[in-house]
Amino acid sequence: MQTYTPIALLSLLGVTLSATVDGAFESLVRLLEIATAPYILSAQTEQRGDLSPERGSGR
């Protein structure tokens, strides 16, 4: 019985740490998506050539 108690506690600790790390990783991924979205949109706009005409070009 004395052996099972530390094993059970370590298992619970492992599950708790795993859930905590998973939550932290998900929030980092969300932050990364938010940070890179303007750059991706900018690159797509430049690639399509949808830039506004230069000033004084008559268009």
PDB file of N, CA and C in Angstrom:
ATOM      1  N   MET A   1       0.823  -1.203   0.000  1.00  0.00           N
ATOM      2  CA  MET A   1       0.000   0.000   0.000  1.00  0.00           C
ATOM      3  C   MET A   1       0.865   1.264   0.000  1.00  0.00           C
ATOM      4  N   GLN A   2       1.996   1.197   0.666  1.00  0.00           N
ATOM      5  CA  GLN A   2       2.860   2.377   0.731  1.00  0.00           C
ATOM      6  C   GLN A   2       3.451   2.708  -0.633  1.00  0.00           C
ATOM      7  N   THR A   3       3.598   1.757  -1.498  1.00  0.00           N
ATOM      8  CA  THR A   3       4.162   2.001  -2.820  1.00  0.00           C
ATOM      9  C   THR A   3       3.140   2.649  -3.749  1.00  0.00           C
ATOM     10  N   TYR A   4       1.891   2.333  -3.574  1.00  0.00           N
ATOM     11  CA  TYR A   4       0.859   2.824  -4.492  1.00  0.00           C
ATOM     12  C   TYR A   4       0.564   4.310  -4.305  1.00  0.00           C
ATOM     13  N   THR A   5       0.711   4.815  -3.101  1.00  0.00           N
ATOM     14  CA  THR A   5       0.397   6.227  -2.843  1.00  0.00           C
ATOM     15  C   THR A   5       1.309   7.166  -3.635  1.00  0.00           C
ATOM     16  N   PRO A   6       2.638   7.013  -3.590  1.00  0.00           N
ATOM     17  CA  PRO A   6       3.477   7.900  -4.393  1.00  0.00           C
ATOM     18  C   PRO A   6       3.247   7.745  -5.891  1.00  0.00           C
ATOM     19  N   ILE A   7       2.978   6.531  -6.334  1.00  0.00           N
ATOM     20  CA  ILE A   7       2.719   6.318  -7.761  1.00  0.00           C
ATOM     21  C   ILE A   7       1.447   7.041  -8.179  1.00  0.00           C
ATOM     22  N   ALA A   8       0.410   6.964  -7.370  1.00  0.00           N
ATOM     23  CA  ALA A   8      -0.852   7.645  -7.682  1.00  0.00           C
ATOM     24  C   ALA A   8      -0.660   9.156  -7.676  1.00  0.00           C
ATOM     25  N   LEU A   9       0.075   9.666  -6.701  1.00  0.00           N
ATOM     26  CA  LEU A   9       0.305  11.117  -6.641  1.00  0.00           C
ATOM     27  C   LEU A   9       1.140  11.606  -7.819  1.00  0.00           C
ATOM     28  N   LEU A  10       2.154  10.849  -8.194  1.00  0.00           N
ATOM     29  CA  LEU A  10       2.959  11.232  -9.362  1.00  0.00           C
ATOM     30  C   LEU A  10       2.143  11.181 -10.648  1.00  0.00           C
ATOM     31  N   SER A  11       1.235  10.227 -10.741  1.00  0.00           N
ATOM     32  CA  SER A  11       0.366  10.155 -11.919  1.00  0.00           C
ATOM     33  C   SER A  11      -0.540  11.371 -11.996  1.00  0.00           C
ATOM     34  N   LEU A  12      -1.121  11.761 -10.875  1.00  0.00           N
ATOM     35  CA  LEU A  12      -1.964  12.963 -10.858  1.00  0.00           C
ATOM     36  C   LEU A  12      -1.168  14.209 -11.193  1.00  0.00           C
ATOM     37  N   LEU A  13       0.044  14.290 -10.679  1.00  0.00           N
ATOM     38  CA  LEU A  13       0.907  15.432 -10.979  1.00  0.00           C
ATOM     39  C   LEU A  13       1.225  15.485 -12.468  1.00  0.00           C
ATOM     40  N   GLY A  14       1.497  14.335 -13.048  1.00  0.00           N
ATOM     41  CA  GLY A  14       1.795  14.280 -14.476  1.00  0.00           C
ATOM     42  C   GLY A  14       0.622  14.727 -15.327  1.00  0.00           C
ATOM     43  N   VAL A  15      -0.575  14.296 -14.957  1.00  0.00           N
ATOM     44  CA  VAL A  15      -1.770  14.702 -15.704  1.00  0.00           C
ATOM     45  C   VAL A  15      -1.985  16.207 -15.580  1.00  0.00           C
ATOM     46  N   THR A  16      -1.795  16.739 -14.384  1.00  0.00           N
ATOM     47  CA  THR A  16      -1.976  18.179 -14.163  1.00  0.00           C
ATOM     48  C   THR A  16      -0.959  18.981 -14.961  1.00  0.00           C
ATOM     49  N   LEU A  17       0.291  18.568 -14.915  1.00  0.00           N
ATOM     50  CA  LEU A  17       1.324  19.282 -15.676  1.00  0.00           C
ATOM     51  C   LEU A  17       1.072  19.188 -17.174  1.00  0.00           C
ATOM     52  N   SER A  18       0.629  18.051 -17.635  1.00  0.00           N
ATOM     53  CA  SER A  18       0.341  17.875 -19.056  1.00  0.00           C
ATOM     54  C   SER A  18      -0.771  18.821 -19.508  1.00  0.00           C
ATOM     55  N   ALA A  19      -1.817  18.934 -18.713  1.00  0.00           N
ATOM     56  CA  ALA A  19      -2.923  19.828 -19.056  1.00  0.00           C
ATOM     57  C   ALA A  19      -2.473  21.283 -19.034  1.00  0.00           C
ATOM     58  N   THR A  20      -1.622  21.632 -18.080  1.00  0.00           N
ATOM     59  CA  THR A  20      -1.132  23.011 -17.987  1.00  0.00           C
ATOM     60  C   THR A  20      -0.266  23.366 -19.189  1.00  0.00           C
ATOM     61  N   VAL A  21       0.637  22.477 -19.555  1.00  0.00           N
ATOM     62  CA  VAL A  21       1.508  22.719 -20.707  1.00  0.00           C
ATOM     63  C   VAL A  21       0.684  22.785 -21.988  1.00  0.00           C
ATOM     64  N   ASP A  22      -0.309  21.938 -22.115  1.00  0.00           N
ATOM     65  CA  ASP A  22      -1.167  21.942 -23.295  1.00  0.00           C
ATOM     66  C   ASP A  22      -1.905  23.273 -23.423  1.00  0.00           C
ATOM     67  N   GLY A  23      -2.431  23.769 -22.321  1.00  0.00           N
ATOM     68  CA  GLY A  23      -3.128  25.061 -22.345  1.00  0.00           C
ATOM     69  C   GLY A  23      -2.193  26.204 -22.695  1.00  0.00           C
ATOM     70  N   ALA A  24      -0.993  26.187 -22.160  1.00  0.00           N
ATOM     71  CA  ALA A  24      -0.020  27.237 -22.468  1.00  0.00           C
ATOM     72  C   ALA A  24       0.376  27.183 -23.937  1.00  0.00           C
ATOM     73  N   PHE A  25       0.549  25.985 -24.470  1.00  0.00           N
ATOM     74  CA  PHE A  25       0.925  25.839 -25.874  1.00  0.00           C
ATOM     75  C   PHE A  25      -0.183  26.356 -26.788  1.00  0.00           C
ATOM     76  N   GLU A  26      -1.435  26.060 -26.449  1.00  0.00           N
ATOM     77  CA  GLU A  26      -2.556  26.545 -27.263  1.00  0.00           C
ATOM     78  C   GLU A  26      -2.619  28.065 -27.275  1.00  0.00           C
ATOM     79  N   SER A  27      -2.388  28.693 -26.135  1.00  0.00           N
ATOM     80  CA  SER A  27      -2.430  30.154 -26.096  1.00  0.00           C
ATOM     81  C   SER A  27      -1.273  30.753 -26.887  1.00  0.00           C
ATOM     82  N   LEU A  28      -0.113  30.102 -26.880  1.00  0.00           N
ATOM     83  CA  LEU A  28       1.006  30.593 -27.685  1.00  0.00           C
ATOM     84  C   LEU A  28       0.712  30.472 -29.175  1.00  0.00           C
ATOM     85  N   VAL A  29       0.071  29.392 -29.561  1.00  0.00           N
ATOM     86  CA  VAL A  29      -0.287  29.216 -30.971  1.00  0.00           C
ATOM     87  C   VAL A  29      -1.275  30.292 -31.398  1.00  0.00           C
ATOM     88  N   ARG A  30      -2.257  30.601 -30.551  1.00  0.00           N
ATOM     89  CA  ARG A  30      -3.224  31.663 -30.868  1.00  0.00           C
ATOM     90  C   ARG A  30      -2.526  33.006 -31.026  1.00  0.00           C
ATOM     91  N   LEU A  31      -1.588  33.305 -30.134  1.00  0.00           N
ATOM     92  CA  LEU A  31      -0.846  34.564 -30.235  1.00  0.00           C
ATOM     93  C   LEU A  31      -0.031  34.625 -31.519  1.00  0.00           C
ATOM     94  N   LEU A  32       0.563  33.517 -31.882  1.00  0.00           N
ATOM     95  CA  LEU A  32       1.348  33.472 -33.109  1.00  0.00           C
ATOM     96  C   LEU A  32       0.465  33.686 -34.334  1.00  0.00           C
ATOM     97  N   GLU A  33      -0.722  33.092 -34.332  1.00  0.00           N
ATOM     98  CA  GLU A  33      -1.647  33.289 -35.451  1.00  0.00           C
ATOM     99  C   GLU A  33      -2.065  34.746 -35.561  1.00  0.00           C
ATOM    100  N   ILE A  34      -2.334  35.379 -34.431  1.00  0.00           N
ATOM    101  CA  ILE A  34      -2.746  36.784 -34.439  1.00  0.00           C
ATOM    102  C   ILE A  34      -1.604  37.667 -34.923  1.00  0.00           C
ATOM    103  N   ALA A  35      -0.387  37.341 -34.509  1.00  0.00           N
ATOM    104  CA  ALA A  35       0.764  38.171 -34.877  1.00  0.00           C
ATOM    105  C   ALA A  35       1.130  38.035 -36.350  1.00  0.00           C
ATOM    106  N   THR A  36       0.937  36.867 -36.940  1.00  0.00           N
ATOM    107  CA  THR A  36       1.363  36.666 -38.327  1.00  0.00           C
ATOM    108  C   THR A  36       0.268  36.970 -39.344  1.00  0.00           C
ATOM    109  N   ALA A  37      -0.974  37.117 -38.924  1.00  0.00           N
ATOM    110  CA  ALA A  37      -2.074  37.351 -39.861  1.00  0.00           C
ATOM    111  C   ALA A  37      -1.865  38.597 -40.722  1.00  0.00           C
ATOM    112  N   PRO A  38      -1.460  39.760 -40.182  1.00  0.00           N
ATOM    113  CA  PRO A  38      -1.261  40.932 -41.043  1.00  0.00           C
ATOM    114  C   PRO A  38      -0.164  40.729 -42.082  1.00  0.00           C
ATOM    115  N   TYR A  39       0.888  40.001 -41.741  1.00  0.00           N
ATOM    116  CA  TYR A  39       1.965  39.769 -42.695  1.00  0.00           C
ATOM    117  C   TYR A  39       1.511  38.869 -43.826  1.00  0.00           C
ATOM    118  N   ILE A  40       0.719  37.848 -43.499  1.00  0.00           N
ATOM    119  CA  ILE A  40       0.212  36.950 -44.536  1.00  0.00           C
ATOM    120  C   ILE A  40      -0.726  37.708 -45.462  1.00  0.00           C
ATOM    121  N   LEU A  41      -1.610  38.514 -44.906  1.00  0.00           N
ATOM    122  CA  LEU A  41      -2.534  39.293 -45.717  1.00  0.00           C
ATOM    123  C   LEU A  41      -1.783  40.276 -46.603  1.00  0.00           C
ATOM    124  N   SER A  42      -0.763  40.915 -46.056  1.00  0.00           N
ATOM    125  CA  SER A  42       0.037  41.861 -46.827  1.00  0.00           C
ATOM    126  C   SER A  42       0.744  41.161 -47.984  1.00  0.00           C
ATOM    127  N   ALA A  43       1.295  39.994 -47.728  1.00  0.00           N
ATOM    128  CA  ALA A  43       1.995  39.252 -48.776  1.00  0.00           C
ATOM    129  C   ALA A  43       1.030  38.824 -49.870  1.00  0.00           C
ATOM    130  N   GLN A  44      -0.185  38.406 -49.502  1.00  0.00           N
ATOM    131  CA  GLN A  44      -1.168  38.007 -50.502  1.00  0.00           C
ATOM    132  C   GLN A  44      -1.591  39.207 -51.344  1.00  0.00           C
ATOM    133  N   THR A  45      -1.749  40.355 -50.727  1.00  0.00           N
ATOM    134  CA  THR A  45      -2.161  41.557 -51.459  1.00  0.00           C
ATOM    135  C   THR A  45      -1.084  41.965 -52.454  1.00  0.00           C
ATOM    136  N   GLU A  46       0.172  41.934 -52.036  1.00  0.00           N
ATOM    137  CA  GLU A  46       1.262  42.294 -52.940  1.00  0.00           C
ATOM    138  C   GLU A  46       1.387  41.297 -54.079  1.00  0.00           C
ATOM    139  N   GLN A  47       1.148  40.042 -53.796  1.00  0.00           N
ATOM    140  CA  GLN A  47       1.272  39.012 -54.815  1.00  0.00           C
ATOM    141  C   GLN A  47       0.211  39.180 -55.897  1.00  0.00           C
ATOM    142  N   ARG A  48      -0.989  39.581 -55.517  1.00  0.00           N
ATOM    143  CA  ARG A  48      -2.071  39.766 -56.491  1.00  0.00           C
ATOM    144  C   ARG A  48      -1.918  41.062 -57.265  1.00  0.00           C
ATOM    145  N   GLY A  49      -1.142  41.992 -56.758  1.00  0.00           N
ATOM    146  CA  GLY A  49      -0.992  43.273 -57.428  1.00  0.00           C
ATOM    147  C   GLY A  49      -2.146  44.216 -57.140  1.00  0.00           C
ATOM    148  N   ASP A  50      -2.808  44.043 -56.014  1.00  0.00           N
ATOM    149  CA  ASP A  50      -3.946  44.886 -55.672  1.00  0.00           C
ATOM    150  C   ASP A  50      -3.520  46.177 -54.975  1.00  0.00           C
ATOM    151  N   LEU A  51      -2.380  46.679 -55.304  1.00  0.00           N
ATOM    152  CA  LEU A  51      -1.907  47.896 -54.654  1.00  0.00           C
ATOM    153  C   LEU A  51      -2.604  49.098 -55.281  1.00  0.00           C
ATOM    154  N   SER A  52      -2.773  50.128 -54.521  1.00  0.00           N
ATOM    155  CA  SER A  52      -3.409  51.327 -55.049  1.00  0.00           C
ATOM    156  C   SER A  52      -2.461  51.991 -56.047  1.00  0.00           C
ATOM    157  N   PRO A  53      -3.015  52.697 -57.033  1.00  0.00           N
ATOM    158  CA  PRO A  53      -2.174  53.336 -58.049  1.00  0.00           C
ATOM    159  C   PRO A  53      -1.318  54.429 -57.418  1.00  0.00           C
ATOM    160  N   GLU A  54      -0.195  54.698 -58.058  1.00  0.00           N
ATOM    161  CA  GLU A  54       0.675  55.744 -57.547  1.00  0.00           C
ATOM    162  C   GLU A  54      -0.001  57.097 -57.702  1.00  0.00           C
ATOM    163  N   ARG A  55       0.385  57.986 -56.857  1.00  0.00           N
ATOM    164  CA  ARG A  55      -0.209  59.319 -56.863  1.00  0.00           C
ATOM    165  C   ARG A  55       0.152  60.043 -58.166  1.00  0.00           C
ATOM    166  N   GLY A  56      -0.832  60.645 -58.798  1.00  0.00           N
ATOM    167  CA  GLY A  56      -0.601  61.393 -60.025  1.00  0.00           C
ATOM    168  C   GLY A  56      -0.536  60.520 -61.269  1.00  0.00           C
ATOM    169  N   SER A  57      -0.901  59.264 -61.168  1.00  0.00           N
ATOM    170  CA  SER A  57      -0.808  58.375 -62.334  1.00  0.00           C
ATOM    171  C   SER A  57      -2.019  58.521 -63.250  1.00  0.00           C
ATOM    172  N   GLY A  58      -3.040  59.233 -62.786  1.00  0.00           N
ATOM    173  CA  GLY A  58      -4.216  59.451 -63.628  1.00  0.00           C
ATOM    174  C   GLY A  58      -5.245  58.337 -63.532  1.00  0.00           C
ATOM    175  N   ARG A  59      -5.015  57.352 -62.698  1.00  0.00           N
ATOM    176  CA  ARG A  59      -5.976  56.256 -62.568  1.00  0.00           C
ATOM    177  C   ARG A  59      -6.810  56.419 -61.345  1.00  0.00           C
TER     178      ARG A  59
END
